[in-house]
Amino acid sequence: MEEVKKSPDPKIIEKELLSDSWYLLHKYTFEYTSQKGEIVSQVREVYDRGSGAAILLYNIKKHSVILVRQFRLPTWINGNAGGYLIEAVAGLLDGDDPEICARREAEEETGYRIKDIQKVCSMYVSPGAVTEILHCYTAPYAEDMKVNSGGGIEDENIEVLEMDFDEAWAMTGNGMICDAKTILLLQHLRLSGLMDRLKE
């Protein structure tokens, strides 16, 4: 059995606010105890934008999924020509329970008011620099659940995409879908076998 590692017992020496113009960016000076028992001092910048929820809607009979396309400036800066990403629905919790957030975002972005919802996992998105935990879900959808046209709210410019599951899965391999949460949720749906039953 692998030995359980001792807690590093971190100690914050200094916390400096670098920016609060959008979310919170702090510079931390801290110490922790290494696995060798040595005291290590480090400085890191940590971005706190809150935690979020993501959800992938699927329809077994139609063999389809609902995704959204929207402009993401950081991806454009880092080489994504055009700056648009195809993604699963997602949003920040804003103080809500993760499942409530997932339902709210599904309705705002896609127009579907879902009923059943399944938890997939909770994960740290970028643990080296960002505090965010993303709670991931899937849910079946049907046409009678459609309550509005979707597209998001306020300044969101979201295109709703209904596509064949096999097409979406292929796009994870050719780079047309390159968003981590979306790849994870599509992979979960594929491994679940739900989308194979139509072809039996």
C-alpha atoms as a PDB file:
ATOM      1  CA  MET A   1       0.000   0.000   0.000  1.00  0.00           C
ATOM      2  CA  GLU A   2       1.297   3.443  -0.912  1.00  0.00           C
ATOM      3  CA  GLU A   3       2.279   5.573   2.061  1.00  0.00           C
ATOM      4  CA  VAL A   4      -0.068   8.467   2.715  1.00  0.00           C
ATOM      5  CA  LYS A   5       1.825  11.744   2.330  1.00  0.00           C
ATOM      6  CA  LYS A   6       1.810  14.104   5.288  1.00  0.00           C
ATOM      7  CA  SER A   7       0.054  17.444   5.009  1.00  0.00           C
ATOM      8  CA  PRO A   8       2.388  20.221   3.862  1.00  0.00           C
ATOM      9  CA  ASP A   9       0.874  22.511   6.556  1.00  0.00           C
ATOM     10  CA  PRO A  10       1.068  25.665   4.403  1.00  0.00           C
ATOM     11  CA  LYS A  11       1.442  29.057   6.050  1.00  0.00           C
ATOM     12  CA  ILE A  12       0.555  32.318   4.286  1.00  0.00           C
ATOM     13  CA  ILE A  13       3.292  34.888   4.906  1.00  0.00           C
ATOM     14  CA  GLU A  14       1.875  37.687   2.764  1.00  0.00           C
ATOM     15  CA  LYS A  15      -1.216  38.182   0.568  1.00  0.00           C
ATOM     16  CA  GLU A  16      -1.216  41.091  -1.887  1.00  0.00           C
ATOM     17  CA  LEU A  17      -4.210  42.105  -4.026  1.00  0.00           C
ATOM     18  CA  LEU A  18      -3.006  42.682  -7.594  1.00  0.00           C
ATOM     19  CA  SER A  19      -6.371  43.206  -9.297  1.00  0.00           C
ATOM     20  CA  ASP A  20     -10.083  43.243  -8.541  1.00  0.00           C
ATOM     21  CA  SER A  21     -11.252  44.810 -11.811  1.00  0.00           C
ATOM     22  CA  TRP A  22     -13.016  41.627 -12.978  1.00  0.00           C
ATOM     23  CA  TYR A  23     -12.423  38.893 -10.418  1.00  0.00           C
ATOM     24  CA  LEU A  24      -9.680  38.644  -7.776  1.00  0.00           C
ATOM     25  CA  LEU A  25      -5.981  38.208  -8.497  1.00  0.00           C
ATOM     26  CA  HIS A  26      -3.717  37.868  -5.439  1.00  0.00           C
ATOM     27  CA  LYS A  27       0.004  37.333  -5.010  1.00  0.00           C
ATOM     28  CA  TYR A  28       0.742  34.903  -2.181  1.00  0.00           C
ATOM     29  CA  THR A  29       4.031  34.458  -0.381  1.00  0.00           C
ATOM     30  CA  PHE A  30       3.805  31.209   1.552  1.00  0.00           C
ATOM     31  CA  GLU A  31       5.754  28.426   3.210  1.00  0.00           C
ATOM     32  CA  TYR A  32       5.067  24.711   3.395  1.00  0.00           C
ATOM     33  CA  THR A  33       6.847  21.573   4.564  1.00  0.00           C
ATOM     34  CA  SER A  34       8.201  19.375   1.768  1.00  0.00           C
ATOM     35  CA  GLN A  35       8.034  15.567   1.798  1.00  0.00           C
ATOM     36  CA  LYS A  36      11.654  15.617   3.003  1.00  0.00           C
ATOM     37  CA  GLY A  37      10.668  17.734   6.001  1.00  0.00           C
ATOM     38  CA  GLU A  38      12.235  20.918   4.652  1.00  0.00           C
ATOM     39  CA  ILE A  39      10.578  24.346   4.865  1.00  0.00           C
ATOM     40  CA  VAL A  40      10.020  25.664   1.336  1.00  0.00           C
ATOM     41  CA  SER A  41       9.166  29.289   0.564  1.00  0.00           C
ATOM     42  CA  GLN A  42       7.375  30.189  -2.673  1.00  0.00           C
ATOM     43  CA  VAL A  43       5.518  33.047  -4.357  1.00  0.00           C
ATOM     44  CA  ARG A  44       2.475  32.369  -6.547  1.00  0.00           C
ATOM     45  CA  GLU A  45      -0.253  34.429  -8.227  1.00  0.00           C
ATOM     46  CA  VAL A  46      -3.738  32.979  -7.677  1.00  0.00           C
ATOM     47  CA  TYR A  47      -6.864  33.925  -9.643  1.00  0.00           C
ATOM     48  CA  ASP A  48     -10.209  33.586  -7.866  1.00  0.00           C
ATOM     49  CA  ARG A  49     -13.248  33.795 -10.153  1.00  0.00           C
ATOM     50  CA  GLY A  50     -15.475  31.516  -8.079  1.00  0.00           C
ATOM     51  CA  SER A  51     -16.535  27.985  -8.954  1.00  0.00           C
ATOM     52  CA  GLY A  52     -18.858  26.843 -11.718  1.00  0.00           C
ATOM     53  CA  ALA A  53     -21.031  24.142 -13.216  1.00  0.00           C
ATOM     54  CA  ALA A  54     -21.100  22.588 -16.696  1.00  0.00           C
ATOM     55  CA  ILE A  55     -23.752  20.407 -18.300  1.00  0.00           C
ATOM     56  CA  LEU A  56     -24.030  18.357 -21.482  1.00  0.00           C
ATOM     57  CA  LEU A  57     -27.546  17.777 -22.825  1.00  0.00           C
ATOM     58  CA  TYR A  58     -28.185  14.587 -24.826  1.00  0.00           C
ATOM     59  CA  ASN A  59     -31.040  12.853 -26.621  1.00  0.00           C
ATOM     60  CA  ILE A  60     -30.722   9.081 -27.038  1.00  0.00           C
ATOM     61  CA  LYS A  61     -33.464   8.697 -29.679  1.00  0.00           C
ATOM     62  CA  LYS A  62     -32.056  11.473 -31.863  1.00  0.00           C
ATOM     63  CA  HIS A  63     -28.472  10.394 -31.061  1.00  0.00           C
ATOM     64  CA  SER A  64     -27.695  14.072 -30.503  1.00  0.00           C
ATOM     65  CA  VAL A  65     -26.174  16.516 -28.064  1.00  0.00           C
ATOM     66  CA  ILE A  66     -26.638  20.230 -27.453  1.00  0.00           C
ATOM     67  CA  LEU A  67     -23.502  22.370 -27.454  1.00  0.00           C
ATOM     68  CA  VAL A  68     -22.932  26.110 -27.737  1.00  0.00           C
ATOM     69  CA  ARG A  69     -20.493  28.263 -29.693  1.00  0.00           C
ATOM     70  CA  GLN A  70     -19.184  31.551 -28.329  1.00  0.00           C
ATOM     71  CA  PHE A  71     -16.192  33.873 -28.581  1.00  0.00           C
ATOM     72  CA  ARG A  72     -13.439  33.326 -25.978  1.00  0.00           C
ATOM     73  CA  LEU A  73     -10.818  36.094 -26.012  1.00  0.00           C
ATOM     74  CA  PRO A  74      -8.066  34.176 -24.121  1.00  0.00           C
ATOM     75  CA  THR A  75      -8.161  31.384 -26.714  1.00  0.00           C
ATOM     76  CA  TRP A  76      -7.837  33.888 -29.543  1.00  0.00           C
ATOM     77  CA  ILE A  77      -4.831  35.441 -27.809  1.00  0.00           C
ATOM     78  CA  ASN A  78      -3.285  31.972 -27.536  1.00  0.00           C
ATOM     79  CA  GLY A  79      -3.664  30.847 -31.140  1.00  0.00           C
ATOM     80  CA  ASN A  80      -7.342  29.963 -31.660  1.00  0.00           C
ATOM     81  CA  ALA A  81      -8.025  31.543 -35.053  1.00  0.00           C
ATOM     82  CA  GLY A  82     -11.342  33.366 -34.905  1.00  0.00           C
ATOM     83  CA  GLY A  83     -11.562  32.950 -31.137  1.00  0.00           C
ATOM     84  CA  TYR A  84     -14.737  30.829 -31.127  1.00  0.00           C
ATOM     85  CA  LEU A  85     -15.077  27.635 -29.079  1.00  0.00           C
ATOM     86  CA  ILE A  86     -17.678  24.883 -29.238  1.00  0.00           C
ATOM     87  CA  GLU A  87     -18.495  23.985 -25.655  1.00  0.00           C
ATOM     88  CA  ALA A  88     -20.828  22.317 -23.232  1.00  0.00           C
ATOM     89  CA  VAL A  89     -23.047  24.777 -21.372  1.00  0.00           C
ATOM     90  CA  ALA A  90     -21.356  26.268 -18.299  1.00  0.00           C
ATOM     91  CA  GLY A  91     -21.490  29.182 -15.901  1.00  0.00           C
ATOM     92  CA  LEU A  92     -20.382  30.469 -12.521  1.00  0.00           C
ATOM     93  CA  LEU A  93     -22.301  29.413  -9.424  1.00  0.00           C
ATOM     94  CA  ASP A  94     -22.893  32.971  -8.170  1.00  0.00           C
ATOM     95  CA  GLY A  95     -23.789  31.577  -4.747  1.00  0.00           C
ATOM     96  CA  ASP A  96     -26.138  28.880  -6.057  1.00  0.00           C
ATOM     97  CA  ASP A  97     -25.976  25.138  -5.505  1.00  0.00           C
ATOM     98  CA  PRO A  98     -24.053  23.565  -8.440  1.00  0.00           C
ATOM     99  CA  GLU A  99     -27.076  21.588  -9.677  1.00  0.00           C
ATOM    100  CA  ILE A 100     -29.262  24.688  -9.587  1.00  0.00           C
ATOM    101  CA  CYS A 101     -26.595  26.548 -11.541  1.00  0.00           C
ATOM    102  CA  ALA A 102     -26.393  23.782 -14.156  1.00  0.00           C
ATOM    103  CA  ARG A 103     -30.173  23.866 -14.641  1.00  0.00           C
ATOM    104  CA  ARG A 104     -30.203  27.672 -14.856  1.00  0.00           C
ATOM    105  CA  GLU A 105     -27.384  27.805 -17.392  1.00  0.00           C
ATOM    106  CA  ALA A 106     -28.985  25.085 -19.524  1.00  0.00           C
ATOM    107  CA  GLU A 107     -32.189  27.092 -19.768  1.00  0.00           C
ATOM    108  CA  GLU A 108     -30.495  30.452 -20.349  1.00  0.00           C
ATOM    109  CA  GLU A 109     -28.025  29.217 -22.951  1.00  0.00           C
ATOM    110  CA  THR A 110     -29.960  26.488 -24.785  1.00  0.00           C
ATOM    111  CA  GLY A 111     -33.610  27.214 -23.973  1.00  0.00           C
ATOM    112  CA  TYR A 112     -34.233  23.749 -22.504  1.00  0.00           C
ATOM    113  CA  ARG A 113     -35.721  23.368 -19.020  1.00  0.00           C
ATOM    114  CA  ILE A 114     -34.308  19.997 -18.088  1.00  0.00           C
ATOM    115  CA  LYS A 115     -35.836  17.497 -15.681  1.00  0.00           C
ATOM    116  CA  ASP A 116     -33.458  14.646 -14.814  1.00  0.00           C
ATOM    117  CA  ILE A 117     -29.829  15.496 -14.154  1.00  0.00           C
ATOM    118  CA  GLN A 118     -26.829  13.284 -13.393  1.00  0.00           C
ATOM    119  CA  LYS A 119     -23.641  14.319 -11.601  1.00  0.00           C
ATOM    120  CA  VAL A 120     -20.449  13.262 -13.401  1.00  0.00           C
ATOM    121  CA  CYS A 121     -17.646  14.753 -11.309  1.00  0.00           C
ATOM    122  CA  SER A 122     -16.179  17.831  -9.677  1.00  0.00           C
ATOM    123  CA  MET A 123     -12.715  18.931 -10.745  1.00  0.00           C
ATOM    124  CA  TYR A 124     -10.146  21.689 -10.363  1.00  0.00           C
ATOM    125  CA  VAL A 125      -9.892  23.385 -13.743  1.00  0.00           C
ATOM    126  CA  SER A 126      -6.341  24.773 -13.588  1.00  0.00           C
ATOM    127  CA  PRO A 127      -4.969  24.002 -10.112  1.00  0.00           C
ATOM    128  CA  GLY A 128      -1.625  25.702 -10.666  1.00  0.00           C
ATOM    129  CA  ALA A 129      -3.138  29.185 -10.766  1.00  0.00           C
ATOM    130  CA  VAL A 130      -6.955  29.187 -10.475  1.00  0.00           C
ATOM    131  CA  THR A 131      -9.104  28.351  -7.437  1.00  0.00           C
ATOM    132  CA  GLU A 132     -12.153  27.291  -9.495  1.00  0.00           C
ATOM    133  CA  ILE A 133     -13.863  23.937  -9.001  1.00  0.00           C
ATOM    134  CA  LEU A 134     -16.090  22.903 -11.920  1.00  0.00           C
ATOM    135  CA  HIS A 135     -19.052  20.618 -11.175  1.00  0.00           C
ATOM    136  CA  CYS A 136     -19.968  18.560 -14.252  1.00  0.00           C
ATOM    137  CA  TYR A 137     -23.380  17.112 -15.160  1.00  0.00           C
ATOM    138  CA  THR A 138     -25.286  15.461 -17.991  1.00  0.00           C
ATOM    139  CA  ALA A 139     -29.037  15.522 -18.645  1.00  0.00           C
ATOM    140  CA  PRO A 140     -31.417  14.167 -21.273  1.00  0.00           C
ATOM    141  CA  TYR A 141     -33.414  16.689 -23.310  1.00  0.00           C
ATOM    142  CA  ALA A 142     -36.514  16.482 -25.491  1.00  0.00           C
ATOM    143  CA  GLU A 143     -38.376  18.962 -27.673  1.00  0.00           C
ATOM    144  CA  ASP A 144     -41.183  19.379 -25.128  1.00  0.00           C
ATOM    145  CA  MET A 145     -38.624  20.792 -22.681  1.00  0.00           C
ATOM    146  CA  LYS A 146     -37.905  23.774 -24.939  1.00  0.00           C
ATOM    147  CA  VAL A 147     -39.143  26.955 -23.204  1.00  0.00           C
ATOM    148  CA  ASN A 148     -37.222  29.667 -25.090  1.00  0.00           C
ATOM    149  CA  SER A 149     -34.697  30.147 -27.883  1.00  0.00           C
ATOM    150  CA  GLY A 150     -31.633  30.194 -25.609  1.00  0.00           C
ATOM    151  CA  GLY A 151     -28.594  32.229 -26.537  1.00  0.00           C
ATOM    152  CA  GLY A 152     -27.698  33.475 -23.070  1.00  0.00           C
ATOM    153  CA  ILE A 153     -28.518  36.752 -21.344  1.00  0.00           C
ATOM    154  CA  GLU A 154     -27.289  40.364 -21.309  1.00  0.00           C
ATOM    155  CA  ASP A 155     -24.059  40.670 -23.333  1.00  0.00           C
ATOM    156  CA  GLU A 156     -23.695  36.938 -24.061  1.00  0.00           C
ATOM    157  CA  ASN A 157     -23.607  36.060 -27.761  1.00  0.00           C
ATOM    158  CA  ILE A 158     -24.209  32.316 -27.760  1.00  0.00           C
ATOM    159  CA  GLU A 159     -25.097  30.120 -30.735  1.00  0.00           C
ATOM    160  CA  VAL A 160     -26.976  26.920 -29.858  1.00  0.00           C
ATOM    161  CA  LEU A 161     -25.795  23.821 -31.734  1.00  0.00           C
ATOM    162  CA  GLU A 162     -27.679  20.532 -31.915  1.00  0.00           C
ATOM    163  CA  MET A 163     -25.463  17.911 -33.504  1.00  0.00           C
ATOM    164  CA  ASP A 164     -25.116  14.183 -33.937  1.00  0.00           C
ATOM    165  CA  PHE A 165     -23.157  12.661 -31.078  1.00  0.00           C
ATOM    166  CA  ASP A 166     -20.732  10.861 -33.408  1.00  0.00           C
ATOM    167  CA  GLU A 167     -20.024  14.159 -35.189  1.00  0.00           C
ATOM    168  CA  ALA A 168     -19.320  15.895 -31.881  1.00  0.00           C
ATOM    169  CA  TRP A 169     -17.102  13.035 -30.745  1.00  0.00           C
ATOM    170  CA  ALA A 170     -15.112  13.164 -34.001  1.00  0.00           C
ATOM    171  CA  MET A 171     -14.569  16.884 -33.457  1.00  0.00           C
ATOM    172  CA  THR A 172     -12.667  16.143 -30.242  1.00  0.00           C
ATOM    173  CA  GLY A 173     -10.157  14.229 -32.348  1.00  0.00           C
ATOM    174  CA  ASN A 174      -9.734  16.721 -35.179  1.00  0.00           C
ATOM    175  CA  GLY A 175      -9.350  19.750 -32.905  1.00  0.00           C
ATOM    176  CA  MET A 176     -12.663  21.421 -33.711  1.00  0.00           C
ATOM    177  CA  ILE A 177     -13.719  20.805 -30.105  1.00  0.00           C
ATOM    178  CA  CYS A 178     -10.765  21.653 -27.876  1.00  0.00           C
ATOM    179  CA  ASP A 179     -12.430  22.719 -24.628  1.00  0.00           C
ATOM    180  CA  ALA A 180     -11.469  20.498 -21.674  1.00  0.00           C
ATOM    181  CA  LYS A 181     -14.851  20.265 -19.928  1.00  0.00           C
ATOM    182  CA  THR A 182     -16.593  19.479 -23.200  1.00  0.00           C
ATOM    183  CA  ILE A 183     -14.145  16.732 -24.120  1.00  0.00           C
ATOM    184  CA  LEU A 184     -14.534  15.240 -20.643  1.00  0.00           C
ATOM    185  CA  LEU A 185     -18.345  15.239 -20.803  1.00  0.00           C
ATOM    186  CA  LEU A 186     -18.459  13.822 -24.331  1.00  0.00           C
ATOM    187  CA  GLN A 187     -16.020  11.111 -23.278  1.00  0.00           C
ATOM    188  CA  HIS A 188     -18.169  10.322 -20.240  1.00  0.00           C
ATOM    189  CA  LEU A 189     -21.243  10.003 -22.447  1.00  0.00           C
ATOM    190  CA  ARG A 190     -19.363   7.744 -24.862  1.00  0.00           C
ATOM    191  CA  LEU A 191     -18.054   5.493 -22.076  1.00  0.00           C
ATOM    192  CA  SER A 192     -21.507   5.295 -20.503  1.00  0.00           C
ATOM    193  CA  GLY A 193     -22.794   3.437 -23.565  1.00  0.00           C
ATOM    194  CA  LEU A 194     -25.999   5.499 -23.655  1.00  0.00           C
ATOM    195  CA  MET A 195     -25.421   6.677 -27.196  1.00  0.00           C
ATOM    196  CA  ASP A 196     -24.655   3.153 -28.451  1.00  0.00           C
ATOM    197  CA  ARG A 197     -28.082   1.741 -27.635  1.00  0.00           C
ATOM    198  CA  LEU A 198     -29.786   3.378 -30.597  1.00  0.00           C
ATOM    199  CA  LYS A 199     -27.607   1.376 -32.974  1.00  0.00           C
ATOM    200  CA  GLU A 200     -28.165  -2.042 -31.405  1.00  0.00           C
END
